[in-house]
Amino acid sequence: MALKDPYNRTVTNLRISLTSRCNLRCIYCHAEGEVNPREQMSATDIAELMQVGVKFGIKSVKFTGGEPLLRRDLVDIVRSVPPGVESSMTTNGTLLAEKAAALKEAGLARVNVSLDTLRPERYAAITGKDCLADVLAGIDAAVEVGLTPVKLNMVLLEGINEDELDDFMAFVRSKRDLILQVIELMEFNECKFHGDVDSVEQELNERATRVVTRRMHHRKKYCLDGAEVEVVRPLHNTEFCKFCNRLRLTSDGKLKPCLLRSDNLVDIQGKHGRELEDAFKEAVSRRKPFFA
């Protein structure tokens, strides 16, 4: 039975933050909107929530963090995804090379890799760690085992990486099964690097040989001579909210109806069975477009 919120939006995607821990310290990180997370959810409780989600129409699950690869039981969690549900993961890629094969074997379908620059010195400045080579190796490993398409999440940062769009498109063309996602910076923690997404999208529109509008969020996909580029614009975007199909779970066990709000969470720690089902339905009922 699929659930719809009060605005007639069907919820089909569950986005699960597995941990608030991360091995990088990115200058813009919004931590999936989590505020002072407590003890993380157990693998058993996550598995039960996914089963409840399937009962209410969830078709896909995305694992996020923090950095999900820091969880030692990640493969077990992926293996517990219910049959027929597509699972994917967003990762910084630093630990992906050694775990890609096991994740694919466990049933993970694909990955998004956060990558804001292809220049080592910039990467260290953005993330606080000089490990770009590890990320590139992780991308290669993901492609090799079939965790594809691999989507590269490039957050547009004013004065930092705006000049790398062509470099990223060349990188995508040079490999198979890669898609570039240019992402508008979420303005959390008074970050001062909000890039001009309008000008980027205008340039892509002028250069593209084909433009496709995806069903999810009515997001545009630009095809440029062998490179696919999507632009993700969550801010002041009524289309993003109008077509949102996601419910989020924070790492410490709170269902989060909206990324941009933390005042309407539903705590599911310690809830099981009918009580968990009721909490899931309550969270869906609290969904409201942030930008209307």
C-alpha atoms as a PDB file:
ATOM      1  CA  MET A   1       0.000   0.000   0.000  1.00  0.00           C
ATOM      2  CA  ALA A   2       1.693   3.197  -1.195  1.00  0.00           C
ATOM      3  CA  LEU A   3       1.412   6.175   1.145  1.00  0.00           C
ATOM      4  CA  LYS A   4       0.685   9.718   0.004  1.00  0.00           C
ATOM      5  CA  ASP A   5       1.321  12.834   2.053  1.00  0.00           C
ATOM      6  CA  PRO A   6      -1.284  15.599   2.502  1.00  0.00           C
ATOM      7  CA  TYR A   7      -0.048  17.185  -0.756  1.00  0.00           C
ATOM      8  CA  ASN A   8      -0.745  14.036  -2.789  1.00  0.00           C
ATOM      9  CA  ARG A   9       2.948  13.141  -3.158  1.00  0.00           C
ATOM     10  CA  THR A  10       3.609   9.396  -3.111  1.00  0.00           C
ATOM     11  CA  VAL A  11       6.593   8.306  -1.013  1.00  0.00           C
ATOM     12  CA  THR A  12       8.652   5.660  -2.830  1.00  0.00           C
ATOM     13  CA  ASN A  13      12.229   6.382  -1.735  1.00  0.00           C
ATOM     14  CA  LEU A  14      13.813   5.903   1.696  1.00  0.00           C
ATOM     15  CA  ARG A  15      17.107   7.689   2.305  1.00  0.00           C
ATOM     16  CA  ILE A  16      18.949   6.148   5.267  1.00  0.00           C
ATOM     17  CA  SER A  17      21.845   7.871   7.014  1.00  0.00           C
ATOM     18  CA  LEU A  18      23.892   5.002   8.469  1.00  0.00           C
ATOM     19  CA  THR A  19      26.298   7.090  10.544  1.00  0.00           C
ATOM     20  CA  SER A  20      27.153  10.678  11.360  1.00  0.00           C
ATOM     21  CA  ARG A  21      30.855   9.801  11.347  1.00  0.00           C
ATOM     22  CA  CYS A  22      33.063  10.772   8.408  1.00  0.00           C
ATOM     23  CA  ASN A  23      36.751  10.482   7.592  1.00  0.00           C
ATOM     24  CA  LEU A  24      36.738  13.841   5.766  1.00  0.00           C
ATOM     25  CA  ARG A  25      35.925  17.359   6.919  1.00  0.00           C
ATOM     26  CA  CYS A  26      34.414  19.078   3.895  1.00  0.00           C
ATOM     27  CA  ILE A  27      34.078  22.831   4.238  1.00  0.00           C
ATOM     28  CA  TYR A  28      30.431  22.882   3.170  1.00  0.00           C
ATOM     29  CA  CYS A  29      29.013  19.658   4.679  1.00  0.00           C
ATOM     30  CA  HIS A  30      25.350  19.801   5.742  1.00  0.00           C
ATOM     31  CA  ALA A  31      25.444  16.321   7.378  1.00  0.00           C
ATOM     32  CA  GLU A  32      22.127  15.353   5.752  1.00  0.00           C
ATOM     33  CA  GLY A  33      20.425  17.968   7.905  1.00  0.00           C
ATOM     34  CA  GLU A  34      21.155  16.073  11.136  1.00  0.00           C
ATOM     35  CA  VAL A  35      21.341  18.094  14.350  1.00  0.00           C
ATOM     36  CA  ASN A  36      23.418  16.666  17.235  1.00  0.00           C
ATOM     37  CA  PRO A  37      22.848  12.972  16.395  1.00  0.00           C
ATOM     38  CA  ARG A  38      22.922  10.409  19.207  1.00  0.00           C
ATOM     39  CA  GLU A  39      23.548   6.659  19.049  1.00  0.00           C
ATOM     40  CA  GLN A  40      23.285   5.237  15.534  1.00  0.00           C
ATOM     41  CA  MET A  41      20.622   2.727  14.485  1.00  0.00           C
ATOM     42  CA  SER A  42      21.481  -0.967  14.606  1.00  0.00           C
ATOM     43  CA  ALA A  43      21.584  -3.095  11.459  1.00  0.00           C
ATOM     44  CA  THR A  44      18.632  -5.103  12.776  1.00  0.00           C
ATOM     45  CA  ASP A  45      16.482  -2.010  13.320  1.00  0.00           C
ATOM     46  CA  ILE A  46      17.400  -0.650   9.885  1.00  0.00           C
ATOM     47  CA  ALA A  47      16.372  -3.956   8.305  1.00  0.00           C
ATOM     48  CA  GLU A  48      13.019  -3.840  10.106  1.00  0.00           C
ATOM     49  CA  LEU A  49      12.393  -0.277   8.936  1.00  0.00           C
ATOM     50  CA  MET A  50      13.080  -1.275   5.335  1.00  0.00           C
ATOM     51  CA  GLN A  51      10.544  -4.079   5.646  1.00  0.00           C
ATOM     52  CA  VAL A  52       7.977  -1.598   6.949  1.00  0.00           C
ATOM     53  CA  GLY A  53       8.860   0.735   4.094  1.00  0.00           C
ATOM     54  CA  VAL A  54       8.163  -1.978   1.527  1.00  0.00           C
ATOM     55  CA  LYS A  55       4.751  -2.575   3.114  1.00  0.00           C
ATOM     56  CA  PHE A  56       3.978   1.105   2.483  1.00  0.00           C
ATOM     57  CA  GLY A  57       5.263   1.350  -1.079  1.00  0.00           C
ATOM     58  CA  ILE A  58       9.008   2.028  -0.819  1.00  0.00           C
ATOM     59  CA  LYS A  59      10.690   1.020  -4.093  1.00  0.00           C
ATOM     60  CA  SER A  60      14.248   2.234  -3.553  1.00  0.00           C
ATOM     61  CA  VAL A  61      16.675   2.846  -0.696  1.00  0.00           C
ATOM     62  CA  LYS A  62      19.744   5.073  -0.644  1.00  0.00           C
ATOM     63  CA  PHE A  63      22.388   4.706   2.063  1.00  0.00           C
ATOM     64  CA  THR A  64      24.151   7.910   3.089  1.00  0.00           C
ATOM     65  CA  GLY A  65      26.079   9.336   6.027  1.00  0.00           C
ATOM     66  CA  GLY A  66      28.390  10.699   7.243  1.00  0.00           C
ATOM     67  CA  GLU A  67      30.441   8.135   5.383  1.00  0.00           C
ATOM     68  CA  PRO A  68      28.520   4.839   5.164  1.00  0.00           C
ATOM     69  CA  LEU A  69      31.668   2.850   4.387  1.00  0.00           C
ATOM     70  CA  LEU A  70      32.814   3.467   7.971  1.00  0.00           C
ATOM     71  CA  ARG A  71      30.154   1.030   9.197  1.00  0.00           C
ATOM     72  CA  ARG A  72      31.683  -2.418   9.629  1.00  0.00           C
ATOM     73  CA  ASP A  73      28.278  -4.028   9.109  1.00  0.00           C
ATOM     74  CA  LEU A  74      27.545  -2.162   5.866  1.00  0.00           C
ATOM     75  CA  VAL A  75      27.607  -5.291   3.700  1.00  0.00           C
ATOM     76  CA  ASP A  76      25.158  -6.996   6.067  1.00  0.00           C
ATOM     77  CA  ILE A  77      22.859  -3.958   5.924  1.00  0.00           C
ATOM     78  CA  VAL A  78      22.924  -3.973   2.123  1.00  0.00           C
ATOM     79  CA  ARG A  79      22.211  -7.698   2.127  1.00  0.00           C
ATOM     80  CA  SER A  80      19.115  -7.081   4.279  1.00  0.00           C
ATOM     81  CA  VAL A  81      17.465  -4.849   1.665  1.00  0.00           C
ATOM     82  CA  PRO A  82      14.124  -6.509   0.824  1.00  0.00           C
ATOM     83  CA  PRO A  83      13.803  -8.288  -2.541  1.00  0.00           C
ATOM     84  CA  GLY A  84      12.640  -6.017  -5.355  1.00  0.00           C
ATOM     85  CA  VAL A  85      13.922  -2.836  -3.708  1.00  0.00           C
ATOM     86  CA  GLU A  86      16.762  -1.051  -5.515  1.00  0.00           C
ATOM     87  CA  SER A  87      19.597   0.005  -3.220  1.00  0.00           C
ATOM     88  CA  SER A  88      22.241   2.636  -3.867  1.00  0.00           C
ATOM     89  CA  MET A  89      24.762   4.542  -1.781  1.00  0.00           C
ATOM     90  CA  THR A  90      26.335   7.982  -1.588  1.00  0.00           C
ATOM     91  CA  THR A  91      29.978   7.877  -0.499  1.00  0.00           C
ATOM     92  CA  ASN A  92      33.066  10.048  -0.560  1.00  0.00           C
ATOM     93  CA  GLY A  93      34.794   7.133  -2.289  1.00  0.00           C
ATOM     94  CA  THR A  94      37.936   7.067  -0.180  1.00  0.00           C
ATOM     95  CA  LEU A  95      37.276   3.508   1.037  1.00  0.00           C
ATOM     96  CA  LEU A  96      35.316   2.266  -1.956  1.00  0.00           C
ATOM     97  CA  ALA A  97      38.037   0.450  -3.903  1.00  0.00           C
ATOM     98  CA  GLU A  98      38.478  -2.308  -1.323  1.00  0.00           C
ATOM     99  CA  LYS A  99      34.745  -2.803  -0.682  1.00  0.00           C
ATOM    100  CA  ALA A 100      33.126  -2.333  -4.097  1.00  0.00           C
ATOM    101  CA  ALA A 101      33.071  -6.018  -5.018  1.00  0.00           C
ATOM    102  CA  ALA A 102      31.570  -7.117  -1.696  1.00  0.00           C
ATOM    103  CA  LEU A 103      28.880  -4.442  -1.908  1.00  0.00           C
ATOM    104  CA  LYS A 104      27.943  -5.495  -5.424  1.00  0.00           C
ATOM    105  CA  GLU A 105      27.759  -9.132  -4.337  1.00  0.00           C
ATOM    106  CA  ALA A 106      25.503  -8.125  -1.431  1.00  0.00           C
ATOM    107  CA  GLY A 107      23.059  -6.521  -3.860  1.00  0.00           C
ATOM    108  CA  LEU A 108      23.972  -2.832  -4.057  1.00  0.00           C
ATOM    109  CA  ALA A 109      22.975  -1.492  -7.475  1.00  0.00           C
ATOM    110  CA  ARG A 110      25.004   1.680  -7.886  1.00  0.00           C
ATOM    111  CA  VAL A 111      26.867   4.488  -6.126  1.00  0.00           C
ATOM    112  CA  ASN A 112      27.105   8.254  -6.052  1.00  0.00           C
ATOM    113  CA  VAL A 113      30.602   9.517  -5.306  1.00  0.00           C
ATOM    114  CA  SER A 114      31.165  12.989  -3.864  1.00  0.00           C
ATOM    115  CA  LEU A 115      33.917  14.621  -5.918  1.00  0.00           C
ATOM    116  CA  ASP A 116      34.165  18.408  -6.079  1.00  0.00           C
ATOM    117  CA  THR A 117      37.511  18.740  -7.817  1.00  0.00           C
ATOM    118  CA  LEU A 118      39.958  16.760  -9.919  1.00  0.00           C
ATOM    119  CA  ARG A 119      42.955  18.706  -8.603  1.00  0.00           C
ATOM    120  CA  PRO A 120      44.802  17.183  -5.619  1.00  0.00           C
ATOM    121  CA  GLU A 121      45.630  20.455  -3.900  1.00  0.00           C
ATOM    122  CA  ARG A 122      42.055  21.660  -4.148  1.00  0.00           C
ATOM    123  CA  TYR A 123      40.743  18.326  -2.951  1.00  0.00           C
ATOM    124  CA  ALA A 124      42.868  18.590   0.184  1.00  0.00           C
ATOM    125  CA  ALA A 125      41.702  22.159   0.780  1.00  0.00           C
ATOM    126  CA  ILE A 126      38.015  21.216   0.435  1.00  0.00           C
ATOM    127  CA  THR A 127      38.059  17.945   2.386  1.00  0.00           C
ATOM    128  CA  GLY A 128      40.969  18.379   4.781  1.00  0.00           C
ATOM    129  CA  LYS A 129      42.682  15.243   3.476  1.00  0.00           C
ATOM    130  CA  ASP A 130      45.054  14.512   0.590  1.00  0.00           C
ATOM    131  CA  CYS A 131      43.424  11.374  -0.784  1.00  0.00           C
ATOM    132  CA  LEU A 132      42.086  12.188  -4.250  1.00  0.00           C
ATOM    133  CA  ALA A 133      43.933   9.170  -5.672  1.00  0.00           C
ATOM    134  CA  ASP A 134      41.939   6.877  -3.360  1.00  0.00           C
ATOM    135  CA  VAL A 135      38.661   8.359  -4.597  1.00  0.00           C
ATOM    136  CA  LEU A 136      39.632   7.913  -8.251  1.00  0.00           C
ATOM    137  CA  ALA A 137      40.593   4.307  -7.512  1.00  0.00           C
ATOM    138  CA  GLY A 138      37.208   3.813  -5.852  1.00  0.00           C
ATOM    139  CA  ILE A 139      35.409   5.138  -8.924  1.00  0.00           C
ATOM    140  CA  ASP A 140      37.350   2.761 -11.167  1.00  0.00           C
ATOM    141  CA  ALA A 141      36.541  -0.166  -8.866  1.00  0.00           C
ATOM    142  CA  ALA A 142      32.843   0.706  -8.813  1.00  0.00           C
ATOM    143  CA  VAL A 143      32.710   0.797 -12.603  1.00  0.00           C
ATOM    144  CA  GLU A 144      34.653  -2.446 -12.857  1.00  0.00           C
ATOM    145  CA  VAL A 145      32.265  -4.430 -10.621  1.00  0.00           C
ATOM    146  CA  GLY A 146      29.124  -2.858 -12.095  1.00  0.00           C
ATOM    147  CA  LEU A 147      27.944  -0.407  -9.424  1.00  0.00           C
ATOM    148  CA  THR A 148      26.761   1.721 -12.303  1.00  0.00           C
ATOM    149  CA  PRO A 149      26.017   4.257 -13.474  1.00  0.00           C
ATOM    150  CA  VAL A 150      28.410   5.957 -11.073  1.00  0.00           C
ATOM    151  CA  LYS A 151      27.165   9.473 -10.438  1.00  0.00           C
ATOM    152  CA  LEU A 152      29.795  12.059  -9.530  1.00  0.00           C
ATOM    153  CA  ASN A 153      28.381  14.627  -7.100  1.00  0.00           C
ATOM    154  CA  MET A 154      30.154  17.930  -7.759  1.00  0.00           C
ATOM    155  CA  VAL A 155      28.959  20.680  -5.414  1.00  0.00           C
ATOM    156  CA  LEU A 156      29.433  24.034  -7.136  1.00  0.00           C
ATOM    157  CA  LEU A 157      31.630  26.200  -4.893  1.00  0.00           C
ATOM    158  CA  GLU A 158      32.125  29.862  -5.698  1.00  0.00           C
ATOM    159  CA  GLY A 159      35.753  30.816  -6.160  1.00  0.00           C
ATOM    160  CA  ILE A 160      36.908  27.221  -5.736  1.00  0.00           C
ATOM    161  CA  ASN A 161      35.813  24.813  -8.481  1.00  0.00           C
ATOM    162  CA  GLU A 162      33.663  26.808 -10.917  1.00  0.00           C
ATOM    163  CA  ASP A 163      36.438  26.590 -13.501  1.00  0.00           C
ATOM    164  CA  GLU A 164      36.463  22.770 -13.567  1.00  0.00           C
ATOM    165  CA  LEU A 165      33.234  22.024 -15.420  1.00  0.00           C
ATOM    166  CA  ASP A 166      35.015  21.223 -18.689  1.00  0.00           C
ATOM    167  CA  ASP A 167      37.592  19.116 -16.843  1.00  0.00           C
ATOM    168  CA  PHE A 168      34.809  17.071 -15.242  1.00  0.00           C
ATOM    169  CA  MET A 169      33.038  16.565 -18.560  1.00  0.00           C
ATOM    170  CA  ALA A 170      36.300  15.382 -20.121  1.00  0.00           C
ATOM    171  CA  PHE A 171      36.766  12.993 -17.184  1.00  0.00           C
ATOM    172  CA  VAL A 172      33.252  11.585 -17.646  1.00  0.00           C
ATOM    173  CA  ARG A 173      33.879  11.105 -21.374  1.00  0.00           C
ATOM    174  CA  SER A 174      37.162   9.327 -20.712  1.00  0.00           C
ATOM    175  CA  LYS A 175      35.486   6.498 -18.782  1.00  0.00           C
ATOM    176  CA  ARG A 176      32.353   4.411 -19.147  1.00  0.00           C
ATOM    177  CA  ASP A 177      29.192   4.528 -17.048  1.00  0.00           C
ATOM    178  CA  LEU A 178      29.784   7.909 -15.404  1.00  0.00           C
ATOM    179  CA  ILE A 179      27.272  10.742 -15.001  1.00  0.00           C
ATOM    180  CA  LEU A 180      28.173  14.189 -13.637  1.00  0.00           C
ATOM    181  CA  GLN A 181      25.789  15.848 -11.187  1.00  0.00           C
ATOM    182  CA  VAL A 182      26.404  19.564 -10.598  1.00  0.00           C
ATOM    183  CA  ILE A 183      24.786  20.283  -7.242  1.00  0.00           C
ATOM    184  CA  GLU A 184      23.685  23.598  -5.792  1.00  0.00           C
ATOM    185  CA  LEU A 185      25.250  24.176  -2.383  1.00  0.00           C
ATOM    186  CA  MET A 186      22.872  23.774   0.529  1.00  0.00           C
ATOM    187  CA  GLU A 187      23.258  26.873   2.678  1.00  0.00           C
ATOM    188  CA  PHE A 188      23.829  25.231   6.049  1.00  0.00           C
ATOM    189  CA  ASN A 189      26.274  26.448   8.709  1.00  0.00           C
ATOM    190  CA  GLU A 190      26.635  29.884   7.075  1.00  0.00           C
ATOM    191  CA  CYS A 191      28.805  28.495   4.276  1.00  0.00           C
ATOM    192  CA  LYS A 192      30.002  31.309   2.003  1.00  0.00           C
ATOM    193  CA  PHE A 193      30.693  29.383  -1.188  1.00  0.00           C
ATOM    194  CA  HIS A 194      27.313  29.304  -2.936  1.00  0.00           C
ATOM    195  CA  GLY A 195      28.095  29.109  -6.664  1.00  0.00           C
ATOM    196  CA  ASP A 196      26.092  30.562  -9.553  1.00  0.00           C
ATOM    197  CA  VAL A 197      24.089  27.552 -10.711  1.00  0.00           C
ATOM    198  CA  ASP A 198      22.028  29.711 -13.080  1.00  0.00           C
ATOM    199  CA  SER A 199      25.011  30.540 -15.272  1.00  0.00           C
ATOM    200  CA  VAL A 200      26.181  26.919 -15.295  1.00  0.00           C
ATOM    201  CA  GLU A 201      22.776  25.657 -16.351  1.00  0.00           C
ATOM    202  CA  GLN A 202      22.500  28.334 -19.035  1.00  0.00           C
ATOM    203  CA  GLU A 203      25.892  27.313 -20.430  1.00  0.00           C
ATOM    204  CA  LEU A 204      24.945  23.634 -20.414  1.00  0.00           C
ATOM    205  CA  ASN A 205      21.666  24.389 -22.164  1.00  0.00           C
ATOM    206  CA  GLU A 206      23.475  26.315 -24.912  1.00  0.00           C
ATOM    207  CA  ARG A 207      26.085  23.595 -25.450  1.00  0.00           C
ATOM    208  CA  ALA A 208      23.931  20.491 -25.105  1.00  0.00           C
ATOM    209  CA  THR A 209      23.052  18.387 -28.130  1.00  0.00           C
ATOM    210  CA  ARG A 210      20.061  16.986 -26.256  1.00  0.00           C
ATOM    211  CA  VAL A 211      18.185  17.940 -23.074  1.00  0.00           C
ATOM    212  CA  VAL A 212      16.044  15.426 -21.170  1.00  0.00           C
ATOM    213  CA  THR A 213      13.713  16.221 -18.264  1.00  0.00           C
ATOM    214  CA  ARG A 214      13.803  13.450 -15.675  1.00  0.00           C
ATOM    215  CA  ARG A 215      10.664  12.494 -13.794  1.00  0.00           C
ATOM    216  CA  MET A 216      12.359  12.889 -10.404  1.00  0.00           C
ATOM    217  CA  HIS A 217      12.122  16.561  -9.398  1.00  0.00           C
ATOM    218  CA  HIS A 218      11.757  17.410 -13.123  1.00  0.00           C
ATOM    219  CA  ARG A 219      15.536  17.587 -13.127  1.00  0.00           C
ATOM    220  CA  LYS A 220      17.267  18.411 -16.436  1.00  0.00           C
ATOM    221  CA  LYS A 221      19.866  16.087 -17.955  1.00  0.00           C
ATOM    222  CA  TYR A 222      22.183  17.668 -20.514  1.00  0.00           C
ATOM    223  CA  CYS A 223      23.927  15.517 -23.122  1.00  0.00           C
ATOM    224  CA  LEU A 224      27.154  17.028 -24.439  1.00  0.00           C
ATOM    225  CA  ASP A 225      29.210  14.988 -26.897  1.00  0.00           C
ATOM    226  CA  GLY A 226      29.327  11.817 -24.841  1.00  0.00           C
ATOM    227  CA  ALA A 227      29.035  13.404 -21.393  1.00  0.00           C
ATOM    228  CA  GLU A 228      25.818  13.360 -19.353  1.00  0.00           C
ATOM    229  CA  VAL A 229      25.383  16.208 -16.867  1.00  0.00           C
ATOM    230  CA  GLU A 230      22.516  16.711 -14.416  1.00  0.00           C
ATOM    231  CA  VAL A 231      21.908  19.859 -12.385  1.00  0.00           C
ATOM    232  CA  VAL A 232      20.490  19.431  -8.877  1.00  0.00           C
ATOM    233  CA  ARG A 233      18.833  22.565  -7.509  1.00  0.00           C
ATOM    234  CA  PRO A 234      17.140  22.030  -4.119  1.00  0.00           C
ATOM    235  CA  LEU A 235      16.986  25.684  -3.028  1.00  0.00           C
ATOM    236  CA  HIS A 236      14.017  27.947  -3.803  1.00  0.00           C
ATOM    237  CA  ASN A 237      12.888  25.276  -6.236  1.00  0.00           C
ATOM    238  CA  THR A 238       9.186  24.494  -6.182  1.00  0.00           C
ATOM    239  CA  GLU A 239       9.683  21.685  -8.709  1.00  0.00           C
ATOM    240  CA  PHE A 240      12.184  19.993  -6.372  1.00  0.00           C
ATOM    241  CA  CYS A 241       9.593  19.998  -3.595  1.00  0.00           C
ATOM    242  CA  LYS A 242       6.565  19.318  -5.777  1.00  0.00           C
ATOM    243  CA  PHE A 243       7.987  16.042  -7.068  1.00  0.00           C
ATOM    244  CA  CYS A 244       9.823  14.955  -3.909  1.00  0.00           C
ATOM    245  CA  ASN A 245       9.218  11.262  -3.151  1.00  0.00           C
ATOM    246  CA  ARG A 246      11.670  10.824  -0.256  1.00  0.00           C
ATOM    247  CA  LEU A 247      11.487  10.069   3.413  1.00  0.00           C
ATOM    248  CA  ARG A 248      14.752  10.242   5.343  1.00  0.00           C
ATOM    249  CA  LEU A 249      16.086   8.407   8.366  1.00  0.00           C
ATOM    250  CA  THR A 250      18.735  10.101  10.482  1.00  0.00           C
ATOM    251  CA  SER A 251      21.606   8.018  11.798  1.00  0.00           C
ATOM    252  CA  ASP A 252      20.198   8.163  15.326  1.00  0.00           C
ATOM    253  CA  GLY A 253      16.759   6.897  14.391  1.00  0.00           C
ATOM    254  CA  LYS A 254      14.492   9.785  13.487  1.00  0.00           C
ATOM    255  CA  LEU A 255      12.316   9.828  10.393  1.00  0.00           C
ATOM    256  CA  LYS A 256      12.844  13.180   8.693  1.00  0.00           C
ATOM    257  CA  PRO A 257      10.045  14.302   6.358  1.00  0.00           C
ATOM    258  CA  CYS A 258      12.091  17.153   4.814  1.00  0.00           C
ATOM    259  CA  LEU A 259      15.824  17.726   4.386  1.00  0.00           C
ATOM    260  CA  LEU A 260      15.459  21.428   5.143  1.00  0.00           C
ATOM    261  CA  ARG A 261      13.497  21.038   8.383  1.00  0.00           C
ATOM    262  CA  SER A 262      14.335  19.569  11.787  1.00  0.00           C
ATOM    263  CA  ASP A 263      11.194  20.575  13.696  1.00  0.00           C
ATOM    264  CA  ASN A 264       8.923  17.761  12.526  1.00  0.00           C
ATOM    265  CA  LEU A 265      10.973  14.611  13.129  1.00  0.00           C
ATOM    266  CA  VAL A 266       9.461  11.297  14.231  1.00  0.00           C
ATOM    267  CA  ASP A 267      11.628   9.287  16.642  1.00  0.00           C
ATOM    268  CA  ILE A 268      11.555   5.541  15.905  1.00  0.00           C
ATOM    269  CA  GLN A 269      14.274   4.363  18.307  1.00  0.00           C
ATOM    270  CA  GLY A 270      12.890   1.444  20.273  1.00  0.00           C
ATOM    271  CA  LYS A 271       9.776   1.130  18.126  1.00  0.00           C
ATOM    272  CA  HIS A 272       8.854  -2.185  16.492  1.00  0.00           C
ATOM    273  CA  GLY A 273       5.906  -3.837  14.818  1.00  0.00           C
ATOM    274  CA  ARG A 274       2.674  -1.836  14.739  1.00  0.00           C
ATOM    275  CA  GLU A 275       4.253   1.019  16.666  1.00  0.00           C
ATOM    276  CA  LEU A 276       6.949   1.373  13.980  1.00  0.00           C
ATOM    277  CA  GLU A 277       4.354   1.237  11.220  1.00  0.00           C
ATOM    278  CA  ASP A 278       2.353   3.996  12.902  1.00  0.00           C
ATOM    279  CA  ALA A 279       5.512   6.124  13.211  1.00  0.00           C
ATOM    280  CA  PHE A 280       6.243   5.634   9.506  1.00  0.00           C
ATOM    281  CA  LYS A 281       2.728   6.749   8.575  1.00  0.00           C
ATOM    282  CA  GLU A 282       2.988   9.718  10.939  1.00  0.00           C
ATOM    283  CA  ALA A 283       6.230  10.853   9.277  1.00  0.00           C
ATOM    284  CA  VAL A 284       4.620  10.718   5.830  1.00  0.00           C
ATOM    285  CA  SER A 285       1.664  12.733   7.122  1.00  0.00           C
ATOM    286  CA  ARG A 286       4.072  15.481   8.270  1.00  0.00           C
ATOM    287  CA  ARG A 287       5.564  15.993   4.802  1.00  0.00           C
ATOM    288  CA  LYS A 288       5.057  19.517   3.515  1.00  0.00           C
ATOM    289  CA  PRO A 289       6.764  21.286   0.568  1.00  0.00           C
ATOM    290  CA  PHE A 290       9.442  23.635   1.921  1.00  0.00           C
ATOM    291  CA  PHE A 291       9.264  25.740  -1.241  1.00  0.00           C
ATOM    292  CA  ALA A 292       5.675  25.986  -2.455  1.00  0.00           C
END
